[in-house]
Amino acid sequence: MTTDSTTLSWVKSSYSNNGGSCVEWAPRSAATTGTVPIRDSKDPHGPALIVPAHAFTSFVAGIKAGKFGTD
């Protein structure tokens, strides 16, 4: 599946910091496609990873629960 990343409304993750670890996602895509595009905000014209909405929800829940290290 391909997504035209130029037409999406991108949001920077609140977990991103100014140290170069910035992630953006396009939340509105989930309602229409059932998928969530994710990209590196430093490379907005680069590729986007497209994941199923349910997988993205589980990933965010894991982050909030502290299941992933910060190293």
PDB file of N, CA and C in Angstrom:
ATOM      1  N   MET A   1       0.835  -1.173   0.000  1.00  0.00           N
ATOM      2  CA  MET A   1       0.000   0.000   0.000  1.00  0.00           C
ATOM      3  C   MET A   1       0.883   1.240   0.000  1.00  0.00           C
ATOM      4  N   THR A   2       0.562   2.179  -0.831  1.00  0.00           N
ATOM      5  CA  THR A   2       1.305   3.433  -0.836  1.00  0.00           C
ATOM      6  C   THR A   2       0.392   4.558  -0.377  1.00  0.00           C
ATOM      7  N   THR A   3       0.979   5.518   0.254  1.00  0.00           N
ATOM      8  CA  THR A   3       0.249   6.677   0.752  1.00  0.00           C
ATOM      9  C   THR A   3       0.989   7.918   0.301  1.00  0.00           C
ATOM     10  N   ASP A   4       0.251   8.879  -0.232  1.00  0.00           N
ATOM     11  CA  ASP A   4       0.868  10.142  -0.616  1.00  0.00           C
ATOM     12  C   ASP A   4       1.061  10.969   0.643  1.00  0.00           C
ATOM     13  N   SER A   5       2.271  10.964   1.157  1.00  0.00           N
ATOM     14  CA  SER A   5       2.540  11.623   2.436  1.00  0.00           C
ATOM     15  C   SER A   5       2.409  13.139   2.371  1.00  0.00           C
ATOM     16  N   THR A   6       2.328  13.708   1.178  1.00  0.00           N
ATOM     17  CA  THR A   6       2.204  15.155   1.071  1.00  0.00           C
ATOM     18  C   THR A   6       0.781  15.626   1.359  1.00  0.00           C
ATOM     19  N   THR A   7      -0.204  14.755   1.257  1.00  0.00           N
ATOM     20  CA  THR A   7      -1.595  15.142   1.495  1.00  0.00           C
ATOM     21  C   THR A   7      -2.052  14.839   2.913  1.00  0.00           C
ATOM     22  N   LEU A   8      -1.205  14.211   3.720  1.00  0.00           N
ATOM     23  CA  LEU A   8      -1.577  13.853   5.074  1.00  0.00           C
ATOM     24  C   LEU A   8      -1.324  14.998   6.044  1.00  0.00           C
ATOM     25  N   SER A   9      -2.063  14.994   7.127  1.00  0.00           N
ATOM     26  CA  SER A   9      -1.864  15.973   8.196  1.00  0.00           C
ATOM     27  C   SER A   9      -0.982  15.319   9.255  1.00  0.00           C
ATOM     28  N   TRP A  10       0.288  15.726   9.311  1.00  0.00           N
ATOM     29  CA  TRP A  10       1.269  15.104  10.197  1.00  0.00           C
ATOM     30  C   TRP A  10       1.301  15.792  11.552  1.00  0.00           C
ATOM     31  N   VAL A  11       1.508  14.990  12.599  1.00  0.00           N
ATOM     32  CA  VAL A  11       1.592  15.469  13.975  1.00  0.00           C
ATOM     33  C   VAL A  11       2.886  14.930  14.575  1.00  0.00           C
ATOM     34  N   LYS A  12       3.644  15.807  15.238  1.00  0.00           N
ATOM     35  CA  LYS A  12       4.874  15.351  15.893  1.00  0.00           C
ATOM     36  C   LYS A  12       4.509  14.699  17.217  1.00  0.00           C
ATOM     37  N   SER A  13       5.117  13.572  17.488  1.00  0.00           N
ATOM     38  CA  SER A  13       4.866  12.855  18.729  1.00  0.00           C
ATOM     39  C   SER A  13       5.252  13.693  19.934  1.00  0.00           C
ATOM     40  N   SER A  14       4.446  13.629  20.982  1.00  0.00           N
ATOM     41  CA  SER A  14       4.775  14.334  22.218  1.00  0.00           C
ATOM     42  C   SER A  14       5.963  13.687  22.910  1.00  0.00           C
ATOM     43  N   TYR A  15       6.341  12.497  22.477  1.00  0.00           N
ATOM     44  CA  TYR A  15       7.496  11.805  23.049  1.00  0.00           C
ATOM     45  C   TYR A  15       8.793  12.179  22.343  1.00  0.00           C
ATOM     46  N   SER A  16       8.692  12.916  21.246  1.00  0.00           N
ATOM     47  CA  SER A  16       9.885  13.351  20.536  1.00  0.00           C
ATOM     48  C   SER A  16      10.590  14.427  21.348  1.00  0.00           C
ATOM     49  N   ASN A  17      11.903  14.484  21.180  1.00  0.00           N
ATOM     50  CA  ASN A  17      12.659  15.518  21.890  1.00  0.00           C
ATOM     51  C   ASN A  17      13.463  16.320  20.882  1.00  0.00           C
ATOM     52  N   ASN A  18      14.157  17.301  21.335  1.00  0.00           N
ATOM     53  CA  ASN A  18      14.947  18.142  20.443  1.00  0.00           C
ATOM     54  C   ASN A  18      16.316  17.559  20.138  1.00  0.00           C
ATOM     55  N   GLY A  19      16.571  16.346  20.573  1.00  0.00           N
ATOM     56  CA  GLY A  19      17.859  15.711  20.344  1.00  0.00           C
ATOM     57  C   GLY A  19      17.956  14.951  19.040  1.00  0.00           C
ATOM     58  N   GLY A  20      16.962  15.108  18.164  1.00  0.00           N
ATOM     59  CA  GLY A  20      17.018  14.459  16.870  1.00  0.00           C
ATOM     60  C   GLY A  20      16.201  13.186  16.768  1.00  0.00           C
ATOM     61  N   SER A  21      15.571  12.760  17.847  1.00  0.00           N
ATOM     62  CA  SER A  21      14.748  11.548  17.821  1.00  0.00           C
ATOM     63  C   SER A  21      13.287  11.943  17.645  1.00  0.00           C
ATOM     64  N   CYS A  22      12.943  12.425  16.470  1.00  0.00           N
ATOM     65  CA  CYS A  22      11.606  12.951  16.239  1.00  0.00           C
ATOM     66  C   CYS A  22      10.800  12.046  15.319  1.00  0.00           C
ATOM     67  N   VAL A  23       9.591  11.768  15.753  1.00  0.00           N
ATOM     68  CA  VAL A  23       8.685  10.917  14.989  1.00  0.00           C
ATOM     69  C   VAL A  23       7.406  11.699  14.746  1.00  0.00           C
ATOM     70  N   GLU A  24       6.867  11.564  13.537  1.00  0.00           N
ATOM     71  CA  GLU A  24       5.579  12.161  13.212  1.00  0.00           C
ATOM     72  C   GLU A  24       4.641  11.045  12.775  1.00  0.00           C
ATOM     73  N   TRP A  25       3.365  11.282  12.975  1.00  0.00           N
ATOM     74  CA  TRP A  25       2.367  10.311  12.548  1.00  0.00           C
ATOM     75  C   TRP A  25       1.169  11.055  11.976  1.00  0.00           C
ATOM     76  N   ALA A  26       0.372  10.361  11.192  1.00  0.00           N
ATOM     77  CA  ALA A  26      -0.799  10.960  10.562  1.00  0.00           C
ATOM     78  C   ALA A  26      -2.048  10.276  11.114  1.00  0.00           C
ATOM     79  N   PRO A  27      -2.555  10.766  12.262  1.00  0.00           N
ATOM     80  CA  PRO A  27      -3.645  10.084  12.952  1.00  0.00           C
ATOM     81  C   PRO A  27      -4.959  10.011  12.187  1.00  0.00           C
ATOM     82  N   ARG A  28      -5.250  10.985  11.373  1.00  0.00           N
ATOM     83  CA  ARG A  28      -6.534  10.986  10.645  1.00  0.00           C
ATOM     84  C   ARG A  28      -6.624   9.880   9.608  1.00  0.00           C
ATOM     85  N   SER A  29      -5.496   9.343   9.218  1.00  0.00           N
ATOM     86  CA  SER A  29      -5.480   8.274   8.232  1.00  0.00           C
ATOM     87  C   SER A  29      -6.161   7.009   8.754  1.00  0.00           C
ATOM     88  N   ALA A  30      -6.118   6.782  10.059  1.00  0.00           N
ATOM     89  CA  ALA A  30      -6.683   5.559  10.642  1.00  0.00           C
ATOM     90  C   ALA A  30      -8.176   5.438  10.360  1.00  0.00           C
ATOM     91  N   ALA A  31      -8.893   6.534  10.426  1.00  0.00           N
ATOM     92  CA  ALA A  31     -10.336   6.498  10.221  1.00  0.00           C
ATOM     93  C   ALA A  31     -10.724   6.132   8.793  1.00  0.00           C
ATOM     94  N   THR A  32      -9.910   6.538   7.834  1.00  0.00           N
ATOM     95  CA  THR A  32     -10.263   6.292   6.436  1.00  0.00           C
ATOM     96  C   THR A  32      -9.599   5.059   5.835  1.00  0.00           C
ATOM     97  N   THR A  33      -8.416   4.696   6.351  1.00  0.00           N
ATOM     98  CA  THR A  33      -7.685   3.578   5.746  1.00  0.00           C
ATOM     99  C   THR A  33      -7.439   2.415   6.694  1.00  0.00           C
ATOM    100  N   GLY A  34      -7.625   2.652   8.004  1.00  0.00           N
ATOM    101  CA  GLY A  34      -7.330   1.600   8.981  1.00  0.00           C
ATOM    102  C   GLY A  34      -5.841   1.439   9.221  1.00  0.00           C
ATOM    103  N   THR A  35      -5.047   2.388   8.721  1.00  0.00           N
ATOM    104  CA  THR A  35      -3.598   2.347   8.899  1.00  0.00           C
ATOM    105  C   THR A  35      -3.105   3.680   9.444  1.00  0.00           C
ATOM    106  N   VAL A  36      -1.905   3.648  10.032  1.00  0.00           N
ATOM    107  CA  VAL A  36      -1.293   4.872  10.556  1.00  0.00           C
ATOM    108  C   VAL A  36       0.094   5.028   9.942  1.00  0.00           C
ATOM    109  N   PRO A  37       0.301   6.063   9.135  1.00  0.00           N
ATOM    110  CA  PRO A  37       1.632   6.355   8.610  1.00  0.00           C
ATOM    111  C   PRO A  37       2.506   6.982   9.695  1.00  0.00           C
ATOM    112  N   ILE A  38       3.763   6.571   9.732  1.00  0.00           N
ATOM    113  CA  ILE A  38       4.744   7.095  10.687  1.00  0.00           C
ATOM    114  C   ILE A  38       5.989   7.458   9.887  1.00  0.00           C
ATOM    115  N   ARG A  39       6.624   8.583  10.224  1.00  0.00           N
ATOM    116  CA  ARG A  39       7.833   8.986   9.506  1.00  0.00           C
ATOM    117  C   ARG A  39       8.800   9.703  10.439  1.00  0.00           C
ATOM    118  N   ASP A  40      10.022   9.824   9.975  1.00  0.00           N
ATOM    119  CA  ASP A  40      11.066  10.579  10.662  1.00  0.00           C
ATOM    120  C   ASP A  40      10.853  12.049  10.317  1.00  0.00           C
ATOM    121  N   SER A  41      10.633  12.887  11.311  1.00  0.00           N
ATOM    122  CA  SER A  41      10.339  14.291  11.032  1.00  0.00           C
ATOM    123  C   SER A  41      11.513  15.036  10.414  1.00  0.00           C
ATOM    124  N   LYS A  42      12.715  14.509  10.569  1.00  0.00           N
ATOM    125  CA  LYS A  42      13.892  15.151   9.961  1.00  0.00           C
ATOM    126  C   LYS A  42      13.947  14.893   8.463  1.00  0.00           C
ATOM    127  N   ASP A  43      13.142  13.939   7.975  1.00  0.00           N
ATOM    128  CA  ASP A  43      13.138  13.589   6.559  1.00  0.00           C
ATOM    129  C   ASP A  43      11.692  13.528   6.055  1.00  0.00           C
ATOM    130  N   PRO A  44      10.997  14.681   6.021  1.00  0.00           N
ATOM    131  CA  PRO A  44       9.581  14.674   5.674  1.00  0.00           C
ATOM    132  C   PRO A  44       9.268  14.196   4.260  1.00  0.00           C
ATOM    133  N   HIS A  45      10.247  14.178   3.383  1.00  0.00           N
ATOM    134  CA  HIS A  45      10.020  13.696   2.021  1.00  0.00           C
ATOM    135  C   HIS A  45      10.493  12.258   1.850  1.00  0.00           C
ATOM    136  N   GLY A  46      10.985  11.683   2.936  1.00  0.00           N
ATOM    137  CA  GLY A  46      11.443  10.303   2.909  1.00  0.00           C
ATOM    138  C   GLY A  46      10.284   9.336   3.061  1.00  0.00           C
ATOM    139  N   PRO A  47      10.611   8.076   3.219  1.00  0.00           N
ATOM    140  CA  PRO A  47       9.571   7.053   3.305  1.00  0.00           C
ATOM    141  C   PRO A  47       8.783   7.140   4.613  1.00  0.00           C
ATOM    142  N   ALA A  48       7.574   6.634   4.566  1.00  0.00           N
ATOM    143  CA  ALA A  48       6.736   6.523   5.761  1.00  0.00           C
ATOM    144  C   ALA A  48       6.466   5.039   5.987  1.00  0.00           C
ATOM    145  N   LEU A  49       6.500   4.649   7.229  1.00  0.00           N
ATOM    146  CA  LEU A  49       6.150   3.288   7.615  1.00  0.00           C
ATOM    147  C   LEU A  49       4.642   3.278   7.830  1.00  0.00           C
ATOM    148  N   ILE A  50       3.948   2.343   7.195  1.00  0.00           N
ATOM    149  CA  ILE A  50       2.497   2.249   7.310  1.00  0.00           C
ATOM    150  C   ILE A  50       2.173   1.022   8.155  1.00  0.00           C
ATOM    151  N   VAL A  51       1.498   1.235   9.285  1.00  0.00           N
ATOM    152  CA  VAL A  51       1.168   0.123  10.183  1.00  0.00           C
ATOM    153  C   VAL A  51      -0.344   0.070  10.408  1.00  0.00           C
ATOM    154  N   PRO A  52      -0.879  -1.126  10.690  1.00  0.00           N
ATOM    155  CA  PRO A  52      -2.300  -1.223  11.012  1.00  0.00           C
ATOM    156  C   PRO A  52      -2.615  -0.386  12.255  1.00  0.00           C
ATOM    157  N   ALA A  53      -3.782   0.239  12.269  1.00  0.00           N
ATOM    158  CA  ALA A  53      -4.161   1.108  13.381  1.00  0.00           C
ATOM    159  C   ALA A  53      -4.126   0.372  14.714  1.00  0.00           C
ATOM    160  N   HIS A  54      -4.567  -0.884  14.749  1.00  0.00           N
ATOM    161  CA  HIS A  54      -4.571  -1.629  16.015  1.00  0.00           C
ATOM    162  C   HIS A  54      -3.155  -1.882  16.516  1.00  0.00           C
ATOM    163  N   ALA A  55      -2.209  -2.077  15.620  1.00  0.00           N
ATOM    164  CA  ALA A  55      -0.816  -2.282  16.019  1.00  0.00           C
ATOM    165  C   ALA A  55      -0.227  -0.978  16.568  1.00  0.00           C
ATOM    166  N   PHE A  56      -0.567   0.143  15.957  1.00  0.00           N
ATOM    167  CA  PHE A  56      -0.082   1.429  16.438  1.00  0.00           C
ATOM    168  C   PHE A  56      -0.641   1.722  17.827  1.00  0.00           C
ATOM    169  N   THR A  57      -1.924   1.418  18.027  1.00  0.00           N
ATOM    170  CA  THR A  57      -2.544   1.614  19.337  1.00  0.00           C
ATOM    171  C   THR A  57      -1.833   0.792  20.403  1.00  0.00           C
ATOM    172  N   SER A  58      -1.515  -0.459  20.085  1.00  0.00           N
ATOM    173  CA  SER A  58      -0.786  -1.315  21.033  1.00  0.00           C
ATOM    174  C   SER A  58       0.607  -0.775  21.310  1.00  0.00           C
ATOM    175  N   PHE A  59       1.268  -0.274  20.291  1.00  0.00           N
ATOM    176  CA  PHE A  59       2.604   0.305  20.440  1.00  0.00           C
ATOM    177  C   PHE A  59       2.580   1.508  21.378  1.00  0.00           C
ATOM    178  N   VAL A  60       1.632   2.420  21.164  1.00  0.00           N
ATOM    179  CA  VAL A  60       1.524   3.610  22.014  1.00  0.00           C
ATOM    180  C   VAL A  60       1.200   3.209  23.456  1.00  0.00           C
ATOM    181  N   ALA A  61       0.325   2.230  23.628  1.00  0.00           N
ATOM    182  CA  ALA A  61      -0.002   1.754  24.975  1.00  0.00           C
ATOM    183  C   ALA A  61       1.247   1.198  25.665  1.00  0.00           C
ATOM    184  N   GLY A  62       2.090   0.486  24.922  1.00  0.00           N
ATOM    185  CA  GLY A  62       3.345  -0.040  25.459  1.00  0.00           C
ATOM    186  C   GLY A  62       4.299   1.066  25.882  1.00  0.00           C
ATOM    187  N   ILE A  63       4.364   2.110  25.078  1.00  0.00           N
ATOM    188  CA  ILE A  63       5.222   3.255  25.422  1.00  0.00           C
ATOM    189  C   ILE A  63       4.736   3.905  26.713  1.00  0.00           C
ATOM    190  N   LYS A  64       3.438   4.149  26.785  1.00  0.00           N
ATOM    191  CA  LYS A  64       2.871   4.793  27.982  1.00  0.00           C
ATOM    192  C   LYS A  64       3.055   3.938  29.227  1.00  0.00           C
ATOM    193  N   ALA A  65       3.086   2.608  29.056  1.00  0.00           N
ATOM    194  CA  ALA A  65       3.245   1.694  30.183  1.00  0.00           C
ATOM    195  C   ALA A  65       4.713   1.488  30.560  1.00  0.00           C
ATOM    196  N   GLY A  66       5.629   2.106  29.788  1.00  0.00           N
ATOM    197  CA  GLY A  66       7.048   1.998  30.083  1.00  0.00           C
ATOM    198  C   GLY A  66       7.669   0.665  29.686  1.00  0.00           C
ATOM    199  N   LYS A  67       7.076  -0.001  28.697  1.00  0.00           N
ATOM    200  CA  LYS A  67       7.569  -1.313  28.279  1.00  0.00           C
ATOM    201  C   LYS A  67       8.802  -1.242  27.378  1.00  0.00           C
ATOM    202  N   PHE A  68       9.166  -0.063  26.945  1.00  0.00           N
ATOM    203  CA  PHE A  68      10.331   0.085  26.083  1.00  0.00           C
ATOM    204  C   PHE A  68      11.361   0.943  26.803  1.00  0.00           C
ATOM    205  N   GLY A  69      12.606   0.556  26.703  1.00  0.00           N
ATOM    206  CA  GLY A  69      13.672   1.319  27.355  1.00  0.00           C
ATOM    207  C   GLY A  69      13.901   2.641  26.671  1.00  0.00           C
ATOM    208  N   THR A  70      14.618   3.496  27.333  1.00  0.00           N
ATOM    209  CA  THR A  70      14.938   4.809  26.756  1.00  0.00           C
ATOM    210  C   THR A  70      16.385   4.885  26.322  1.00  0.00           C
ATOM    211  N   ASP A  71      17.103   3.790  26.374  1.00  0.00           N
ATOM    212  CA  ASP A  71      18.524   3.775  25.988  1.00  0.00           C
ATOM    213  C   ASP A  71      18.691   3.671  24.500  1.00  0.00           C
TER     214      ASP A  71
END
